[in-house]
Protein backbone atom coordinates (compact mmCIF):
# COMPACT_ATOMS: atom_id res chain seq x y z
CA MET A 1 14.87 19.52 3.09
CA PRO A 2 16.63 20.80 0.00
CA ARG A 3 14.96 23.77 -2.13
CA PRO A 4 12.24 23.59 -4.88
CA ALA A 5 14.00 23.79 -7.98
CA THR A 6 10.48 25.80 -8.99
CA ILE A 7 7.70 27.86 -7.28
CA HIS A 8 4.81 29.03 -8.11
CA VAL A 9 3.89 32.92 -7.54
CA CYS A 10 0.21 34.54 -7.84
CA SER A 11 0.32 37.10 -10.79
CA ALA A 12 -2.21 39.39 -8.89
CA CYS A 13 -0.56 39.76 -5.21
CA GLY A 14 3.08 38.20 -5.53
CA HIS A 15 2.26 35.21 -2.66
CA ALA A 16 4.64 32.15 -3.53
CA GLU A 17 3.78 28.34 -2.94
CA ALA A 18 6.08 25.25 -3.46
CA LYS A 19 2.73 23.69 -5.08
CA TRP A 20 0.04 24.78 -7.78
CA HIS A 21 -2.91 25.58 -6.56
CA GLY A 22 -6.04 26.64 -8.77
CA GLN A 23 -7.07 29.12 -6.39
CA CYS A 24 -4.55 31.41 -4.71
CA PRO A 25 -4.32 30.97 -0.71
CA ASP A 26 -3.99 34.48 -0.06
CA CYS A 27 -5.72 37.11 -2.66
CA GLY A 28 -8.46 34.43 -3.54
CA GLY A 29 -7.54 34.95 -7.28
CA TRP A 30 -8.17 31.45 -9.39
CA ASN A 31 -5.60 30.25 -11.84
CA THR A 32 -3.13 33.21 -11.09
CA LEU A 33 -0.05 31.18 -9.99
CA VAL A 34 2.70 30.92 -12.24
CA GLU A 35 5.37 28.48 -12.32
CA GLU A 36 8.80 30.46 -11.34
CA ARG A 37 12.39 29.44 -10.64
CA PRO A 38 13.09 30.49 -6.60
CA PRO A 39 15.50 33.96 -6.13
CA GLN A 40 19.17 32.97 -5.81
CA ARG A 41 20.28 33.95 -1.97
CA SER A 42 23.45 33.77 -0.26
CA SER A 43 24.69 31.10 1.56
CA GLY A 44 25.92 32.68 3.75
CA ARG A 45 23.92 32.68 7.76
CA GLY A 46 23.30 36.02 9.56
CA PRO A 47 23.43 39.19 8.29
CA SER A 48 26.06 40.32 5.43
CA ARG A 49 27.34 43.41 7.60
CA ALA A 50 26.09 45.23 10.57
CA ALA A 51 24.91 48.31 9.74
CA PRO A 52 24.83 51.65 11.87
CA ALA A 53 21.89 52.72 13.25
CA ALA A 54 20.15 56.09 11.92
CA ARG A 55 18.71 59.13 14.02
CA PRO A 56 15.25 60.09 12.86
CA VAL A 57 14.98 63.22 12.21
CA PRO A 58 11.60 65.60 13.62
CA LEU A 59 9.65 66.50 10.49
CA SER A 60 9.97 69.98 11.66
CA GLU A 61 13.67 70.08 11.00
CA VAL A 62 12.94 68.50 7.38
CA ARG A 63 13.31 70.81 4.45
CA ALA A 64 11.51 70.35 1.80
CA PRO A 65 12.37 72.16 -1.42
CA ALA A 66 9.69 73.05 -4.19
CA VAL A 67 10.28 71.04 -7.07
CA ALA A 68 9.86 72.50 -10.68
CA ARG A 69 7.58 70.32 -12.60
CA LEU A 70 8.18 68.92 -16.45
CA ALA A 71 4.44 70.45 -18.46
CA THR A 72 4.01 67.87 -20.81
CA GLY A 73 1.96 70.46 -23.17
CA ILE A 74 -1.24 68.66 -22.84
CA GLY A 75 -3.38 70.55 -20.46
CA GLU A 76 -5.77 67.42 -19.54
CA LEU A 77 -2.56 65.01 -18.75
CA ASP A 78 -0.74 67.81 -16.58
CA ARG A 79 -3.82 68.74 -14.55
CA VAL A 80 -4.55 65.04 -13.58
CA LEU A 81 -1.18 64.29 -13.06
CA GLY A 82 -1.39 67.54 -10.47
CA GLY A 83 0.52 70.44 -12.86
CA GLY A 84 2.96 67.96 -14.57
CA LEU A 85 5.90 65.25 -14.06
CA VAL A 86 8.15 65.71 -11.23
CA PRO A 87 11.73 64.68 -11.87
CA GLY A 88 12.75 61.09 -10.48
CA SER A 89 8.95 60.27 -10.44
CA LEU A 90 7.75 57.14 -12.08
CA VAL A 91 4.08 57.44 -13.49
CA LEU A 92 2.29 54.04 -14.45
CA LEU A 93 -0.14 54.56 -17.38
CA GLY A 94 -2.22 51.28 -17.49
CA GLY A 95 -5.29 50.96 -19.92
CA SER A 96 -6.66 47.95 -22.19
CA PRO A 97 -4.83 47.26 -25.71
CA GLY A 98 -5.77 50.26 -28.55
CA ILE A 99 -7.13 52.47 -25.94
CA GLY A 100 -4.25 55.09 -27.05
CA LYS A 101 -1.68 54.94 -24.70
CA SER A 102 1.19 54.62 -26.98
CA THR A 103 -0.18 57.39 -28.88
CA LEU A 104 -1.02 59.82 -25.45
CA THR A 105 2.72 59.26 -24.56
CA THR A 106 4.13 59.52 -28.11
CA MET A 107 2.40 63.25 -27.80
CA ALA A 108 3.49 63.95 -24.40
CA LEU A 109 7.44 63.54 -25.57
CA GLY A 110 6.99 65.14 -28.63
CA ARG A 111 5.63 68.38 -26.80
CA LEU A 112 8.54 67.68 -24.11
CA ALA A 113 11.18 67.93 -27.00
CA ALA A 114 9.82 70.56 -28.67
CA ALA A 115 10.04 72.60 -25.52
CA GLY A 116 13.68 71.70 -25.65
CA ARG A 117 13.72 69.10 -23.27
CA ARG A 118 15.60 65.57 -23.19
CA THR A 119 13.66 62.63 -23.99
CA VAL A 120 13.93 58.75 -24.61
CA TYR A 121 11.16 56.65 -25.87
CA VAL A 122 12.37 52.75 -24.62
CA SER A 123 9.76 50.41 -26.58
CA GLY A 124 9.51 47.01 -26.04
CA GLU A 125 6.80 46.03 -28.28
CA GLU A 126 7.23 47.94 -31.63
CA SER A 127 10.11 48.01 -33.49
CA ALA A 128 11.65 51.72 -33.93
CA ALA A 129 10.00 51.80 -37.64
CA GLN A 130 6.54 51.03 -36.05
CA VAL A 131 6.95 53.94 -33.63
CA ARG A 132 7.96 56.52 -36.46
CA LEU A 133 4.84 55.55 -38.41
CA ARG A 134 2.81 56.27 -35.56
CA ALA A 135 4.63 59.61 -34.66
CA GLU A 136 4.36 60.86 -38.54
CA ARG A 137 0.47 61.23 -37.96
CA LEU A 138 0.86 62.96 -34.57
CA GLY A 139 3.29 65.94 -35.39
CA ASP A 140 4.05 68.53 -32.50
CA GLY A 141 7.82 67.30 -32.64
CA THR A 142 7.20 64.00 -32.13
CA LEU A 143 9.79 62.68 -35.05
CA ASP A 144 12.59 64.21 -32.89
CA VAL A 145 12.24 61.83 -29.99
CA PRO A 146 14.78 59.41 -29.45
CA VAL A 147 13.91 55.82 -29.68
CA LEU A 148 15.14 52.47 -28.13
CA ALA A 149 13.83 49.41 -29.46
CA GLU A 150 14.93 46.79 -26.54
CA THR A 151 13.94 44.19 -24.31
CA ASP A 152 17.02 43.84 -22.04
CA LEU A 153 16.53 45.69 -18.85
CA ASP A 154 20.56 46.07 -18.56
CA ALA A 155 20.99 48.01 -21.93
CA VAL A 156 17.43 50.13 -21.16
CA LEU A 157 19.54 51.29 -18.26
CA ALA A 158 22.94 51.42 -19.45
CA THR A 159 21.35 53.85 -22.12
CA LEU A 160 19.84 55.80 -18.92
CA GLU A 161 22.97 56.43 -17.41
CA GLN A 162 24.50 57.30 -20.80
CA GLU A 163 21.78 59.63 -21.78
CA ARG A 164 20.51 61.35 -18.63
CA PRO A 165 17.23 61.80 -20.35
CA GLU A 166 14.79 64.03 -18.35
CA VAL A 167 11.75 62.12 -18.96
CA CYS A 168 11.86 58.63 -20.69
CA VAL A 169 8.52 56.23 -21.60
CA VAL A 170 8.93 52.63 -21.02
CA ASP A 171 6.16 51.21 -23.50
CA SER A 172 5.82 48.45 -22.13
CA VAL A 173 6.99 47.67 -18.16
CA GLN A 174 5.82 44.00 -18.97
CA THR A 175 7.92 43.65 -22.20
CA LEU A 176 11.38 44.13 -20.36
CA HIS A 177 13.66 41.53 -19.03
CA ALA A 178 15.98 41.38 -16.42
CA SER A 179 18.69 38.79 -17.38
CA GLU A 180 19.87 37.58 -13.80
CA LEU A 181 16.13 36.34 -12.92
CA ALA A 182 14.37 33.13 -14.25
CA GLY A 183 10.60 33.50 -15.71
CA SER A 184 9.50 35.12 -18.59
CA PRO A 185 9.06 39.05 -19.52
CA GLY A 186 5.39 39.85 -17.55
CA SER A 187 5.74 37.43 -14.57
CA VAL A 188 5.90 38.45 -11.31
CA GLY A 189 9.44 38.52 -10.38
CA GLN A 190 10.37 39.89 -13.51
CA VAL A 191 7.94 42.64 -13.33
CA ARG A 192 8.39 43.62 -9.63
CA GLU A 193 12.48 43.22 -10.40
CA VAL A 194 12.25 45.87 -13.73
CA ALA A 195 10.26 48.33 -11.44
CA ASP A 196 12.79 48.31 -8.83
CA ARG A 197 15.88 48.91 -10.87
CA VAL A 198 14.05 51.32 -12.83
CA ALA A 199 12.91 53.33 -10.07
CA ARG A 200 16.37 53.22 -8.30
CA VAL A 201 18.08 55.17 -12.07
CA ALA A 202 15.34 57.35 -11.89
CA ARG A 203 15.82 58.80 -8.80
CA ALA A 204 19.44 59.15 -8.66
CA HIS A 205 19.59 60.98 -12.09
CA ASP A 206 15.71 63.05 -11.69
CA VAL A 207 14.49 61.00 -14.09
CA ALA A 208 10.53 61.55 -14.99
CA VAL A 209 9.55 57.90 -16.02
CA LEU A 210 5.97 56.95 -17.70
CA LEU A 211 5.74 53.01 -17.25
CA VAL A 212 2.89 51.65 -19.63
CA GLY A 213 1.31 48.47 -17.93
CA HIS A 214 -1.64 46.28 -19.42
CA VAL A 215 -4.55 45.89 -18.14
CA THR A 216 -6.49 42.07 -17.16
CA LYS A 217 -9.73 41.23 -18.43
CA GLU A 218 -11.25 42.66 -15.40
CA GLY A 219 -9.93 45.51 -16.21
CA SER A 220 -7.44 45.96 -13.40
CA LEU A 221 -3.77 46.81 -13.57
CA ALA A 222 -1.77 43.53 -14.93
CA GLY A 223 1.52 42.47 -12.31
CA PRO A 224 1.54 42.50 -8.45
CA ARG A 225 0.22 44.93 -6.21
CA VAL A 226 3.42 46.17 -5.36
CA LEU A 227 4.25 47.65 -8.20
CA GLU A 228 1.40 49.97 -7.67
CA HIS A 229 2.75 50.70 -4.16
CA LEU A 230 6.47 51.11 -6.15
CA VAL A 231 5.70 53.89 -8.50
CA ASP A 232 4.53 57.27 -7.11
CA ALA A 233 1.47 57.44 -9.47
CA VAL A 234 -1.36 55.60 -11.09
CA LEU A 235 -2.85 56.72 -13.94
CA GLN A 236 -5.78 54.85 -15.55
CA PHE A 237 -7.23 55.11 -19.31
CA GLU A 238 -10.83 54.28 -19.84
CA GLY A 239 -12.82 54.19 -22.78
CA GLU A 240 -13.82 51.75 -25.94
CA ARG A 241 -12.11 51.42 -28.53
CA GLU A 242 -15.23 51.81 -30.70
CA ARG A 243 -15.66 55.23 -29.23
CA THR A 244 -13.89 58.43 -29.88
CA TYR A 245 -14.00 59.57 -26.07
CA ARG A 246 -11.23 58.62 -23.63
CA THR A 247 -11.06 59.32 -20.29
CA LEU A 248 -7.95 59.55 -17.52
CA ARG A 249 -7.86 59.36 -14.36
CA ALA A 250 -5.90 59.42 -11.13
CA LEU A 251 -5.74 55.97 -9.16
CA LYS A 252 -2.99 57.32 -6.90
CA ASN A 253 -0.62 60.37 -6.97
CA ARG A 254 1.76 61.04 -4.32
CA PHE A 255 2.18 64.54 -5.52
CA GLY A 256 -1.10 65.49 -6.14
CA ALA A 257 -5.08 65.32 -6.01
CA THR A 258 -6.75 62.07 -7.40
CA ALA A 259 -9.72 64.05 -8.10
CA ASP A 260 -9.02 65.47 -11.39
CA ALA A 261 -10.57 63.63 -14.67
CA GLY A 262 -9.21 64.62 -18.15
CA VAL A 263 -11.51 63.76 -21.22
CA PHE A 264 -9.74 63.65 -24.72
CA GLU A 265 -11.29 62.67 -28.34
CA MET A 266 -9.57 59.89 -30.69
CA ARG A 267 -9.00 61.52 -33.86
CA GLY A 268 -6.90 60.37 -36.93
CA GLU A 269 -4.47 63.01 -35.82
CA GLY A 270 -4.15 61.58 -32.63
CA LEU A 271 -5.71 62.21 -29.17
CA VAL A 272 -7.60 65.85 -28.88
CA GLU A 273 -8.04 67.48 -25.60
CA VAL A 274 -11.64 68.63 -24.72
CA ALA A 275 -11.67 70.82 -22.47
CA ASP A 276 -15.74 71.34 -23.08
CA ALA A 277 -17.11 67.61 -22.96
CA SER A 278 -20.31 68.93 -22.02
CA ALA A 279 -21.31 70.89 -25.32
CA ARG A 280 -20.27 68.03 -26.82
CA PHE A 281 -23.04 65.52 -25.44
CA VAL A 282 -25.68 68.07 -24.71
CA GLU A 283 -25.79 69.19 -28.49
CA ALA A 284 -26.21 65.36 -29.36
CA ALA A 285 -28.56 64.97 -26.61
CA THR A 286 -32.41 63.85 -27.99
CA ARG A 287 -36.13 64.65 -26.88
CA GLU A 288 -37.35 60.93 -27.24
CA PRO A 289 -38.68 59.09 -23.96
CA GLY A 290 -35.87 57.43 -22.27
CA SER A 291 -33.18 60.33 -22.39
CA VAL A 292 -32.04 62.23 -19.52
CA VAL A 293 -28.95 64.93 -19.33
CA LEU A 294 -27.13 64.18 -16.00
CA ALA A 295 -25.00 66.84 -14.62
CA ALA A 296 -22.35 64.64 -13.42
CA MET A 297 -18.84 65.40 -11.78
CA GLU A 298 -15.71 63.78 -12.98
CA GLY A 299 -13.69 64.72 -10.04
CA THR A 300 -13.59 68.37 -9.67
CA ARG A 301 -14.75 69.06 -13.31
CA PRO A 302 -19.28 69.38 -13.99
CA LEU A 303 -20.08 67.24 -16.64
CA LEU A 304 -23.18 67.12 -18.83
CA VAL A 305 -23.98 63.56 -20.33
CA GLU A 306 -26.54 62.35 -21.73
CA VAL A 307 -28.06 58.91 -20.15
CA GLN A 308 -30.61 56.89 -22.37
CA ALA A 309 -33.10 54.07 -21.59
CA LEU A 310 -34.78 51.41 -23.49
CA VAL A 311 -37.65 49.63 -21.47
CA SER A 312 -39.23 46.86 -24.25
CA PRO A 313 -41.28 43.34 -23.29
CA SER A 314 -39.46 40.58 -23.12
CA GLU A 315 -40.18 36.66 -23.89
CA LEU A 316 -37.10 35.77 -21.86
CA VAL A 317 -36.95 34.91 -17.79
CA PRO A 318 -35.17 36.12 -16.27
CA PRO A 319 -35.31 39.34 -18.38
CA ARG A 320 -32.36 41.32 -19.66
CA ARG A 321 -30.58 44.41 -18.08
CA VAL A 322 -28.13 45.54 -20.09
CA VAL A 323 -26.06 48.46 -18.97
CA SER A 324 -23.13 50.83 -20.52
CA GLY A 325 -21.58 53.22 -18.48
CA ILE A 326 -22.87 52.50 -14.89
CA ASP A 327 -22.66 49.89 -12.84
CA ARG A 328 -25.19 47.13 -13.39
CA ASN A 329 -25.56 46.08 -9.73
CA ARG A 330 -26.89 49.89 -8.79
CA LEU A 331 -29.46 49.99 -11.67
CA ALA A 332 -31.04 46.75 -10.29
CA LEU A 333 -31.30 49.19 -7.22
CA VAL A 334 -32.45 51.96 -9.26
CA LEU A 335 -35.22 49.45 -10.84
CA ALA A 336 -36.39 47.92 -7.05
CA VAL A 337 -36.77 51.73 -5.91
CA LEU A 338 -38.75 52.40 -8.64
CA ALA A 339 -41.27 49.54 -8.60
CA ARG A 340 -41.25 49.60 -4.41
CA HIS A 341 -42.40 53.44 -4.18
CA ALA A 342 -43.13 55.35 -7.58
CA GLY A 343 -45.37 52.25 -9.11
CA VAL A 344 -43.23 51.88 -12.02
CA ALA A 345 -42.82 48.19 -12.23
CA VAL A 346 -40.47 46.84 -15.50
CA GLY A 347 -39.67 43.16 -14.04
CA SER A 348 -41.45 41.65 -17.27
CA ALA A 349 -39.25 43.70 -19.35
CA ASP A 350 -35.82 44.00 -20.60
CA VAL A 351 -33.97 47.35 -19.46
CA PHE A 352 -31.08 48.74 -21.61
CA VAL A 353 -29.70 52.11 -20.28
CA ASN A 354 -26.35 53.22 -21.55
CA VAL A 355 -24.78 56.56 -21.07
CA VAL A 356 -23.85 58.53 -24.64
CA GLY A 357 -20.19 58.97 -25.54
CA GLY A 358 -18.53 55.69 -24.19
CA LEU A 359 -18.21 57.85 -20.66
CA ARG A 360 -18.55 55.81 -17.21
CA VAL A 361 -20.38 57.49 -14.00
CA ASP A 362 -19.44 55.82 -11.07
CA GLU A 363 -20.81 58.60 -8.77
CA PRO A 364 -24.42 57.93 -6.67
CA GLY A 365 -25.33 61.05 -8.29
CA ALA A 366 -26.39 59.35 -11.27
CA ASP A 367 -29.50 57.35 -9.51
CA LEU A 368 -31.92 59.88 -10.01
CA ALA A 369 -31.28 60.36 -13.90
CA VAL A 370 -30.96 56.49 -14.47
CA ALA A 371 -34.68 56.15 -12.74
CA LEU A 372 -35.93 58.98 -14.88
CA ALA A 373 -34.91 57.92 -18.05
CA VAL A 374 -36.65 54.68 -16.94
CA ALA A 375 -39.69 55.78 -16.38
CA GLY A 376 -39.66 57.89 -19.39
CA ALA A 377 -38.92 55.01 -21.38
CA ALA A 378 -41.53 52.52 -19.64
CA ARG A 379 -44.86 55.40 -19.66
CA GLY A 380 -43.41 56.36 -23.07
CA ARG A 381 -42.80 59.91 -22.67
CA PRO A 382 -40.01 62.93 -23.23
CA VAL A 383 -38.93 63.98 -19.84
CA GLY A 384 -39.90 67.33 -18.85
CA ASP A 385 -41.53 70.10 -20.65
CA PRO A 386 -42.36 68.49 -24.73
CA ALA A 387 -41.85 71.68 -25.88
CA ALA A 388 -38.42 72.14 -24.68
CA ARG A 389 -35.29 71.50 -27.51
CA THR A 390 -33.31 69.54 -24.86
CA PRO A 391 -34.15 67.14 -22.47
CA PRO A 392 -34.12 68.68 -18.48
CA ALA A 393 -30.74 68.00 -16.61
CA CYS A 394 -31.02 66.17 -12.75
CA PHE A 395 -28.89 64.42 -10.10
CA GLY A 396 -29.68 63.04 -6.81
CA GLU A 397 -29.21 59.87 -5.47
CA LEU A 398 -32.02 57.73 -4.53
CA GLY A 399 -32.50 56.37 -0.92
CA LEU A 400 -34.06 52.38 -0.42
CA THR A 401 -36.79 53.83 1.09
CA GLY A 402 -37.75 55.99 -1.86
CA GLU A 403 -36.10 59.62 -0.46
CA LEU A 404 -33.78 61.67 -3.12
CA ARG A 405 -30.62 62.11 -1.22
CA PRO A 406 -28.38 65.56 -1.72
CA VAL A 407 -24.77 64.91 -3.26
CA ALA A 408 -22.03 67.02 -3.73
CA HIS A 409 -20.78 69.87 -5.48
CA ALA A 410 -24.84 70.74 -6.16
CA GLU A 411 -24.19 74.24 -7.02
CA ARG A 412 -21.15 73.64 -9.72
CA ARG A 413 -23.32 71.07 -11.36
CA ILE A 414 -26.22 73.76 -11.44
CA ALA A 415 -24.06 76.23 -12.82
CA GLU A 416 -22.60 74.05 -15.36
CA ALA A 417 -26.32 73.32 -16.59
CA ALA A 418 -27.61 76.63 -16.45
CA ARG A 419 -24.62 77.52 -19.05
CA PHE A 420 -26.42 75.75 -21.56
CA GLY A 421 -29.34 77.24 -20.81
CA LEU A 422 -30.81 73.53 -18.91
CA ALA A 423 -32.88 75.25 -16.10
CA PRO A 424 -34.26 74.47 -14.17
CA VAL A 425 -32.23 71.69 -12.68
CA LEU A 426 -34.24 68.81 -11.20
CA ALA A 427 -32.24 68.29 -7.88
CA PRO A 428 -33.15 66.79 -3.96
CA GLU A 429 -33.83 69.68 -1.59
CA GLY A 430 -31.53 71.96 0.07
CA ALA A 431 -29.30 72.13 -3.60
CA GLY A 432 -29.94 75.81 -4.32
CA GLY A 433 -28.92 77.80 -7.39
CA GLY A 434 -32.81 77.88 -8.69
CA ALA A 435 -32.98 73.94 -9.08
CA LEU A 436 -36.42 72.40 -8.52
CA ALA A 437 -36.29 70.59 -5.31
CA ALA A 438 -37.70 67.09 -5.27
CA SER A 439 -37.61 65.41 -1.33
CA SER A 440 -38.43 61.77 -3.24
CA LEU A 441 -38.38 59.98 -5.95
CA ARG A 442 -42.34 60.31 -6.38
CA ASP A 443 -42.27 63.93 -6.24
CA ALA A 444 -39.09 63.58 -9.08
CA LEU A 445 -41.28 61.76 -11.20
CA ARG A 446 -44.23 64.21 -10.96
CA ALA A 447 -42.53 67.29 -11.67
CA ALA A 448 -40.74 65.21 -14.88
CA LEU A 449 -43.34 63.41 -16.13
CA PRO A 450 -46.26 65.79 -15.83
CA GLY A 451 -49.64 65.01 -17.59
CA PRO A 452 -51.67 61.94 -18.31
CA GLN A 453 -48.76 58.96 -19.46
CA ARG A 454 -49.38 55.81 -20.97
CA ALA A 455 -47.61 52.74 -20.92
CA ALA A 456 -45.16 51.79 -23.60
CA ALA A 457 -46.28 49.64 -26.55
């Protein structure tokens, strides 16, 4: 049978089908199949050449020379990367539009250029004039960075072959177009081909490449999953455009750990590193009912953030559950444990929970802070000692039977809270460090909300 003139490729997983389907048969994604022309194949039958067999080498005989990293001069970025950029590596930086990806990469190239490194900024979304307007407010050598406003992949690779930069930024990988392939820029075949050919040139000439990528409306990196497997590191730039704080996390890193996270603040002059983020959030913490400080962990760094809750009578059925900065399903679990094991029933009320500053906390150690904030808001009492200037700090995971479970890095959390005078810290039993221990949620509420209590109006 003749091959079809076009095929339909899933933009999420790369699965190909001869006909269009509403749902991808492989990954289950809806409306992800995109029509493309099939790649051209050789007309000959059988292998084109006989490849000689290779001899496997024992790992004990493999030499692993030390690789000198390229420090970008941005401490938060270098820490997430594991010490800097590795020559010949590909780093994929993803984030929602307007979050600051171009600003971060431009600042990194500017500081590398100021340090005497050869750099190139490839812009497929903006003209050279638009890139200059952004670079003028960033300083630190950004105006010395060579810029190439080009979307043709062959022209970009020829420039890299000629200029031989040490660091290159491609903004973005979805805008480059390979002329020998059908399909529009950003399609599955185009993104795969662009990333593969850029990787070959980068590794042949030891060019550290930062690929800027888009994200889908669900928050995941756009394009086929093979793109994430092709690169050496995947960084996620998170935050809300209306808030000033941004968080940089490593989802994958072949040359370092994925436990670290960097915190930035967006200002008029660009992104500013937040070396002591706990101080910013503790200073803004209130003593009103429904406010509590969470001793969280961002990778290997302890971080104090304020968790606020509001419980209000509702006329809706079912009532609203609105969250910002935590998982909605985790809030449902905490509310169920509060009602079943602590006598705090909010089933007929609207519950709003917010992590102040636009940060997102994805660890189970936030359960106790959410429970105390909701209980304080429901009972109309501030959590902890009413005479204290700041709300108490706490951490701990809630079990479905009402017990309080320990979490990792308890000593570092307690030490960070003590640095700001938030002692004692309410924590699960066995945390040590002078923490106020509680074995169950009922014990924690008894310690955090002492005295007579009234229901919120």
